[in-house]
Amino acid sequence: MNQDENKNNLPEATFTTNEVATMLHISDATLLRWLKVEKIPGFFRVGRRWLIRKSDYEAYIGKQVSGEITQKQNE
């Protein structure tokens, strides 16, 4: 097996709720409230832990940034 094949078999990187809350500069409690109302899509449970794939988090942030840019252009 070459390195490229091995990379495809690796699990995708994930973030915990604590990591996401820290990156968004919000409290863990706020993030958990957002999860309940599905404000950030892509979170899933593994046992008792909530996780989000790095790619899902980056997609969410990308949408938020592009939305902010669109709003500022429309003002």
N, C-alpha and C. Protein backbone atom coordinates (compact mmCIF):
# COMPACT_ATOMS: atom_id res chain seq x y z
N MET A 1 0.86 -1.19 0.00
CA MET A 1 0.00 0.00 0.00
C MET A 1 0.89 1.23 0.00
N ASN A 2 0.63 2.16 -0.91
CA ASN A 2 1.42 3.38 -0.93
C ASN A 2 0.82 4.42 0.00
N GLN A 3 1.52 5.54 0.16
CA GLN A 3 1.08 6.57 1.11
C GLN A 3 -0.27 7.17 0.74
N ASP A 4 -0.54 7.37 -0.55
CA ASP A 4 -1.82 7.95 -0.98
C ASP A 4 -2.98 7.05 -0.59
N GLU A 5 -2.81 5.74 -0.75
CA GLU A 5 -3.88 4.81 -0.37
C GLU A 5 -4.08 4.83 1.13
N ASN A 6 -3.01 4.93 1.90
CA ASN A 6 -3.10 4.96 3.35
C ASN A 6 -3.82 6.22 3.83
N LYS A 7 -3.56 7.36 3.20
CA LYS A 7 -4.21 8.61 3.59
C LYS A 7 -5.73 8.51 3.44
N ASN A 8 -6.21 7.82 2.43
CA ASN A 8 -7.64 7.69 2.20
C ASN A 8 -8.32 6.83 3.26
N ASN A 9 -7.57 6.00 3.95
CA ASN A 9 -8.14 5.13 4.98
C ASN A 9 -8.13 5.76 6.36
N LEU A 10 -7.49 6.91 6.51
CA LEU A 10 -7.43 7.55 7.81
C LEU A 10 -8.77 8.21 8.12
N PRO A 11 -9.19 8.16 9.40
CA PRO A 11 -10.44 8.86 9.74
C PRO A 11 -10.26 10.37 9.61
N GLU A 12 -11.33 11.03 9.25
CA GLU A 12 -11.28 12.48 9.09
C GLU A 12 -11.13 13.14 10.46
N ALA A 13 -10.38 14.23 10.49
CA ALA A 13 -10.17 14.97 11.74
C ALA A 13 -11.50 15.51 12.25
N THR A 14 -11.65 15.53 13.56
CA THR A 14 -12.86 16.06 14.19
C THR A 14 -12.49 17.06 15.27
N PHE A 15 -13.47 17.88 15.64
CA PHE A 15 -13.34 18.81 16.75
C PHE A 15 -14.37 18.46 17.81
N THR A 16 -14.04 18.70 19.06
CA THR A 16 -14.99 18.53 20.17
C THR A 16 -15.79 19.81 20.34
N THR A 17 -16.83 19.75 21.14
CA THR A 17 -17.62 20.96 21.40
C THR A 17 -16.77 22.03 22.08
N ASN A 18 -15.87 21.61 22.96
CA ASN A 18 -15.01 22.57 23.64
C ASN A 18 -14.09 23.28 22.66
N GLU A 19 -13.54 22.54 21.71
CA GLU A 19 -12.66 23.14 20.70
C GLU A 19 -13.43 24.11 19.82
N VAL A 20 -14.62 23.74 19.40
CA VAL A 20 -15.43 24.62 18.54
C VAL A 20 -15.85 25.87 19.30
N ALA A 21 -16.28 25.70 20.53
CA ALA A 21 -16.67 26.86 21.34
C ALA A 21 -15.50 27.83 21.49
N THR A 22 -14.32 27.30 21.73
CA THR A 22 -13.13 28.15 21.85
C THR A 22 -12.85 28.88 20.55
N MET A 23 -12.93 28.19 19.41
CA MET A 23 -12.66 28.83 18.12
C MET A 23 -13.69 29.89 17.78
N LEU A 24 -14.94 29.70 18.24
CA LEU A 24 -16.00 30.67 17.96
C LEU A 24 -16.10 31.76 19.03
N HIS A 25 -15.29 31.65 20.06
CA HIS A 25 -15.29 32.61 21.18
C HIS A 25 -16.66 32.68 21.86
N ILE A 26 -17.24 31.51 22.09
CA ILE A 26 -18.50 31.40 22.82
C ILE A 26 -18.33 30.38 23.93
N SER A 27 -19.26 30.35 24.86
CA SER A 27 -19.18 29.38 25.95
C SER A 27 -19.63 28.00 25.48
N ASP A 28 -19.21 26.98 26.22
CA ASP A 28 -19.66 25.63 25.92
C ASP A 28 -21.19 25.54 26.00
N ALA A 29 -21.77 26.22 26.99
CA ALA A 29 -23.22 26.20 27.18
C ALA A 29 -23.94 26.78 25.96
N THR A 30 -23.42 27.87 25.43
CA THR A 30 -24.02 28.48 24.23
C THR A 30 -23.95 27.51 23.06
N LEU A 31 -22.81 26.88 22.88
CA LEU A 31 -22.68 25.93 21.78
C LEU A 31 -23.65 24.77 21.94
N LEU A 32 -23.81 24.27 23.14
CA LEU A 32 -24.76 23.17 23.36
C LEU A 32 -26.19 23.61 23.06
N ARG A 33 -26.54 24.85 23.39
CA ARG A 33 -27.88 25.38 23.03
C ARG A 33 -28.02 25.42 21.51
N TRP A 34 -26.97 25.86 20.83
CA TRP A 34 -27.00 25.91 19.36
C TRP A 34 -27.18 24.51 18.78
N LEU A 35 -26.55 23.51 19.41
CA LEU A 35 -26.70 22.14 18.91
C LEU A 35 -28.15 21.68 19.02
N LYS A 36 -28.81 22.04 20.10
CA LYS A 36 -30.20 21.62 20.30
C LYS A 36 -31.13 22.20 19.25
N VAL A 37 -30.83 23.39 18.76
CA VAL A 37 -31.68 24.01 17.73
C VAL A 37 -31.07 23.85 16.33
N GLU A 38 -30.01 23.05 16.24
CA GLU A 38 -29.35 22.74 14.97
C GLU A 38 -28.86 23.97 14.22
N LYS A 39 -28.33 24.93 14.97
CA LYS A 39 -27.79 26.14 14.35
C LYS A 39 -26.51 25.84 13.57
N ILE A 40 -25.73 24.88 14.04
CA ILE A 40 -24.52 24.45 13.33
C ILE A 40 -24.72 23.02 12.88
N PRO A 41 -24.90 22.78 11.59
CA PRO A 41 -25.10 21.41 11.10
C PRO A 41 -23.80 20.61 11.12
N GLY A 42 -23.94 19.31 11.18
CA GLY A 42 -22.79 18.44 11.06
C GLY A 42 -22.32 17.77 12.33
N PHE A 43 -22.82 18.20 13.48
CA PHE A 43 -22.43 17.56 14.73
C PHE A 43 -23.05 16.18 14.83
N PHE A 44 -22.33 15.25 15.42
CA PHE A 44 -22.83 13.90 15.64
C PHE A 44 -22.30 13.39 16.98
N ARG A 45 -22.95 12.37 17.51
CA ARG A 45 -22.56 11.84 18.81
C ARG A 45 -21.76 10.56 18.66
N VAL A 46 -20.76 10.45 19.51
CA VAL A 46 -20.01 9.21 19.68
C VAL A 46 -20.03 8.96 21.18
N GLY A 47 -20.87 8.02 21.58
CA GLY A 47 -21.06 7.82 23.02
C GLY A 47 -21.73 9.05 23.60
N ARG A 48 -21.06 9.65 24.58
CA ARG A 48 -21.61 10.86 25.22
C ARG A 48 -21.04 12.14 24.63
N ARG A 49 -20.10 12.01 23.72
CA ARG A 49 -19.41 13.18 23.16
C ARG A 49 -20.04 13.65 21.86
N TRP A 50 -20.12 14.96 21.70
CA TRP A 50 -20.53 15.57 20.44
C TRP A 50 -19.27 15.92 19.67
N LEU A 51 -19.24 15.58 18.39
CA LEU A 51 -18.10 15.88 17.53
C LEU A 51 -18.60 16.48 16.22
N ILE A 52 -17.71 17.19 15.55
CA ILE A 52 -17.99 17.70 14.22
C ILE A 52 -16.75 17.47 13.36
N ARG A 53 -16.95 17.03 12.14
CA ARG A 53 -15.82 16.86 11.23
C ARG A 53 -15.23 18.22 10.89
N LYS A 54 -13.93 18.24 10.76
CA LYS A 54 -13.24 19.49 10.43
C LYS A 54 -13.81 20.09 9.16
N SER A 55 -14.10 19.26 8.16
CA SER A 55 -14.63 19.76 6.89
C SER A 55 -16.02 20.38 7.07
N ASP A 56 -16.86 19.80 7.95
CA ASP A 56 -18.19 20.37 8.21
C ASP A 56 -18.08 21.71 8.93
N TYR A 57 -17.14 21.81 9.89
CA TYR A 57 -16.92 23.06 10.60
C TYR A 57 -16.45 24.14 9.62
N GLU A 58 -15.48 23.78 8.77
CA GLU A 58 -14.95 24.75 7.81
C GLU A 58 -16.03 25.20 6.82
N ALA A 59 -16.91 24.29 6.43
CA ALA A 59 -18.01 24.65 5.53
C ALA A 59 -18.96 25.64 6.22
N TYR A 60 -19.26 25.39 7.49
CA TYR A 60 -20.12 26.30 8.26
C TYR A 60 -19.49 27.69 8.34
N ILE A 61 -18.21 27.74 8.68
CA ILE A 61 -17.52 29.03 8.79
C ILE A 61 -17.50 29.73 7.44
N GLY A 62 -17.25 28.98 6.37
CA GLY A 62 -17.24 29.56 5.03
C GLY A 62 -18.58 30.20 4.67
N LYS A 63 -19.66 29.53 5.04
CA LYS A 63 -21.00 30.08 4.77
C LYS A 63 -21.24 31.34 5.59
N GLN A 64 -20.77 31.33 6.84
CA GLN A 64 -20.96 32.50 7.70
C GLN A 64 -20.18 33.69 7.15
N VAL A 65 -18.97 33.46 6.72
CA VAL A 65 -18.13 34.54 6.19
C VAL A 65 -18.71 35.07 4.89
N SER A 66 -19.12 34.18 4.00
CA SER A 66 -19.67 34.65 2.73
C SER A 66 -20.99 35.37 2.96
N GLY A 67 -21.76 34.98 3.95
CA GLY A 67 -23.00 35.68 4.29
C GLY A 67 -22.73 37.07 4.81
N GLU A 68 -21.68 37.22 5.63
CA GLU A 68 -21.32 38.53 6.14
C GLU A 68 -20.84 39.44 5.02
N ILE A 69 -20.06 38.90 4.10
CA ILE A 69 -19.56 39.70 2.98
C ILE A 69 -20.73 40.14 2.10
N THR A 70 -21.68 39.24 1.84
CA THR A 70 -22.84 39.58 1.03
C THR A 70 -23.68 40.66 1.70
N GLN A 71 -23.88 40.55 3.03
CA GLN A 71 -24.66 41.55 3.75
C GLN A 71 -23.98 42.91 3.68
N LYS A 72 -22.67 42.96 3.84
CA LYS A 72 -21.95 44.23 3.81
C LYS A 72 -22.01 44.84 2.41
N GLN A 73 -21.98 44.03 1.37
CA GLN A 73 -22.04 44.53 0.01
C GLN A 73 -23.43 45.10 -0.29
N ASN A 74 -24.46 44.53 0.35
CA ASN A 74 -25.83 44.99 0.11
C ASN A 74 -26.16 46.26 0.89
N GLU A 75 -25.35 46.62 1.85
CA GLU A 75 -25.64 47.82 2.67
C GLU A 75 -25.30 49.09 1.96
